[in-house]
Structures are given as C-alpha cells and as structure tokens.
Protein backbone atom coordinates (compact mmCIF):
# COMPACT_ATOMS: atom_id res chain seq x y z
CA UNK A 1 -134.04 -39.46 109.05
CA UNK A 2 -133.94 -43.18 109.74
CA UNK A 3 -135.08 -43.89 106.18
CA UNK A 4 -132.27 -41.75 104.71
CA UNK A 5 -129.74 -43.62 106.85
CA UNK A 6 -131.08 -47.00 105.65
CA UNK A 7 -130.96 -45.88 102.01
CA UNK A 8 -127.38 -44.64 102.49
CA UNK A 9 -126.37 -47.94 104.14
CA UNK A 10 -127.91 -49.94 101.26
CA UNK A 11 -126.08 -47.74 98.75
CA UNK A 12 -122.74 -48.31 100.53
CA UNK A 13 -123.31 -52.08 100.66
CA UNK A 14 -124.25 -52.19 96.96
CA UNK A 15 -121.18 -50.12 96.06
CA UNK A 16 -118.99 -52.47 98.11
CA UNK A 17 -120.38 -55.51 96.30
CA UNK A 18 -119.80 -53.86 92.93
CA UNK A 19 -116.26 -52.94 93.95
CA UNK A 20 -115.51 -56.60 94.68
CA UNK A 21 -116.07 -57.35 90.97
CA UNK A 22 -114.24 -54.26 89.75
CA UNK A 23 -110.72 -54.56 88.36
CA UNK A 24 -108.21 -51.79 88.15
CA UNK A 25 -105.24 -51.85 85.76
CA UNK A 26 -102.21 -49.63 86.02
CA UNK A 27 -99.66 -49.27 83.24
CA UNK A 28 -96.47 -47.30 83.58
CA UNK A 29 -93.58 -46.70 81.26
CA UNK A 30 -90.18 -45.89 82.72
CA UNK A 31 -87.82 -43.90 80.54
CA UNK A 32 -84.36 -45.46 80.42
CA UNK A 33 -81.68 -42.96 81.34
CA UNK A 34 -77.95 -43.42 81.59
CA UNK A 35 -75.15 -41.02 82.42
CA UNK A 36 -71.42 -40.98 82.98
CA UNK A 37 -70.96 -39.88 86.59
CA UNK A 38 -67.18 -39.74 86.62
CA UNK A 39 -63.85 -40.68 85.07
CA UNK A 40 -60.77 -41.75 87.01
CA UNK A 41 -57.52 -41.63 85.05
CA UNK A 42 -55.21 -42.05 88.07
CA UNK A 43 -53.83 -45.33 86.62
CA UNK A 44 -53.80 -44.22 82.99
CA UNK A 45 -50.03 -44.72 82.67
CA UNK A 46 -50.82 -48.41 83.30
CA UNK A 47 -53.49 -48.16 80.60
CA UNK A 48 -56.41 -48.30 83.07
CA UNK A 49 -59.38 -45.94 82.89
CA UNK A 50 -62.27 -46.22 85.36
CA UNK A 51 -65.67 -44.94 84.31
CA UNK A 52 -68.45 -44.50 86.84
CA UNK A 53 -71.92 -44.83 85.30
CA UNK A 54 -75.49 -44.46 86.52
CA UNK A 55 -78.18 -46.23 84.53
CA UNK A 56 -81.68 -47.59 85.07
CA UNK A 57 -81.60 -49.86 81.98
CA UNK A 58 -80.90 -53.58 82.22
CA UNK A 59 -78.27 -53.34 79.47
CA UNK A 60 -76.17 -50.53 78.05
CA UNK A 61 -72.89 -49.82 76.29
CA UNK A 62 -70.00 -47.50 77.11
CA UNK A 63 -67.79 -46.52 74.18
CA UNK A 64 -64.64 -44.39 73.99
CA UNK A 65 -63.30 -42.51 71.01
CA UNK A 66 -60.78 -39.82 70.22
CA UNK A 67 -61.22 -37.76 67.07
CA UNK A 68 -64.02 -40.04 65.86
CA UNK A 69 -61.86 -43.19 66.08
CA UNK A 70 -62.72 -45.96 68.57
CA UNK A 71 -60.16 -46.56 71.31
CA UNK A 72 -58.71 -50.10 71.33
CA UNK A 73 -59.69 -51.81 74.58
CA UNK A 74 -57.68 -54.80 75.80
CA UNK A 75 -60.04 -55.85 78.63
CA UNK A 76 -62.97 -54.71 80.76
CA UNK A 77 -63.92 -55.60 84.32
CA UNK A 78 -66.46 -54.53 86.92
CA UNK A 79 -67.21 -55.60 90.48
CA UNK A 80 -70.73 -54.22 90.12
CA UNK A 81 -72.07 -55.65 86.84
CA UNK A 82 -71.57 -58.22 84.10
CA UNK A 83 -69.37 -56.66 81.42
CA UNK A 84 -68.14 -57.77 78.02
CA UNK A 85 -65.51 -56.18 75.83
CA UNK A 86 -66.81 -54.66 72.59
CA UNK A 87 -65.19 -52.45 69.96
CA UNK A 88 -64.14 -49.27 71.70
CA UNK A 89 -65.61 -50.07 75.09
CA UNK A 90 -67.87 -52.34 77.12
CA UNK A 91 -71.32 -53.89 77.03
CA UNK A 92 -72.84 -53.81 80.52
CA UNK A 93 -75.65 -55.93 81.97
CA UNK A 94 -77.01 -55.25 85.43
CA UNK A 95 -79.68 -56.86 87.60
CA UNK A 96 -80.82 -53.58 89.16
CA UNK A 97 -80.42 -49.91 88.34
CA UNK A 98 -77.64 -48.01 90.01
CA UNK A 99 -74.08 -46.75 89.95
CA UNK A 100 -71.48 -49.03 88.36
CA UNK A 101 -67.71 -48.68 88.03
CA UNK A 102 -66.38 -50.06 84.74
CA UNK A 103 -62.61 -50.57 84.48
CA UNK A 104 -61.24 -50.51 80.95
CA UNK A 105 -57.66 -51.51 80.18
CA UNK A 106 -56.62 -49.74 77.01
CA UNK A 107 -54.58 -51.60 74.41
CA UNK A 108 -52.73 -48.40 73.48
CA UNK A 109 -52.98 -45.67 76.15
CA UNK A 110 -51.11 -43.28 73.85
CA UNK A 111 -54.31 -43.17 71.73
CA UNK A 112 -55.73 -40.79 74.33
CA UNK A 113 -53.62 -37.92 73.02
CA UNK A 114 -56.70 -36.00 71.95
CA UNK A 115 -60.15 -35.09 73.14
CA UNK A 116 -61.77 -38.17 74.71
CA UNK A 117 -65.44 -38.75 74.02
CA UNK A 118 -67.36 -41.19 76.24
CA UNK A 119 -70.73 -42.37 74.95
CA UNK A 120 -73.24 -44.31 77.00
CA UNK A 121 -76.34 -45.78 75.33
CA UNK A 122 -79.09 -48.16 76.35
CA UNK A 123 -79.37 -51.41 74.42
C-alpha cells in the first residue's frame, strides 16, 4: 500500500512539473449585434427624433429613410457616445457596449410623411 502511495505521489509531482511548462490558449469570437431599442418622436414638431440603440460593436451607423429615400439630417448629438452626421443619419463610436440615445435633428421634418425605416449596421 505504501508503495502505491509513493508511486501516486511521484506521478502527481511529475504532472505538476509538466503543467508548469504547459501553455493554454483560448480564442473567442464575439458576434457583433445591434438593435434599435426605441424611438421617441415627442419633439418631432421641432424636428428632433431620439433613437435608443443597443450595440456591442465599437462603431456602427444609424440611418433613416422614407420610401427608399434618405432623410436629410441637420445635426446629431449624443450624451452617451461620439457621433458624427452622415447622409441620412449618424455614425456612432462607443468605448464600451451598451444602450445609447442618439438625437437627430431633421433638416425637413415633413419628410417623415411616410413609413419610416431605421437601419442600424456595424462598421
């Protein structure tokens, strides 16, 4: 019995020494997903549309169109992310994933007299 215990102890010590030289690599790929969580048109008569987004990508775009035509955007702002005005919407850059509120001031609010389509895409 004592011999079996000694052999087991030697095996554990040898395995521990081998483990010290062993390297383990882990690789993961995270799928980028973005979604429009909500739209607030309470200030639309002033030309302001707020879009709430949720995205785990570092950069994404939000675009608006009605009937296949891009909506003219006068300015974009956000307290939550870096935003830049682009044709029909905003380019968004964020340091961490999460919910962002993007405020778009429309150049011509009357353009929204049709079915509004909001697209969000990772860059």
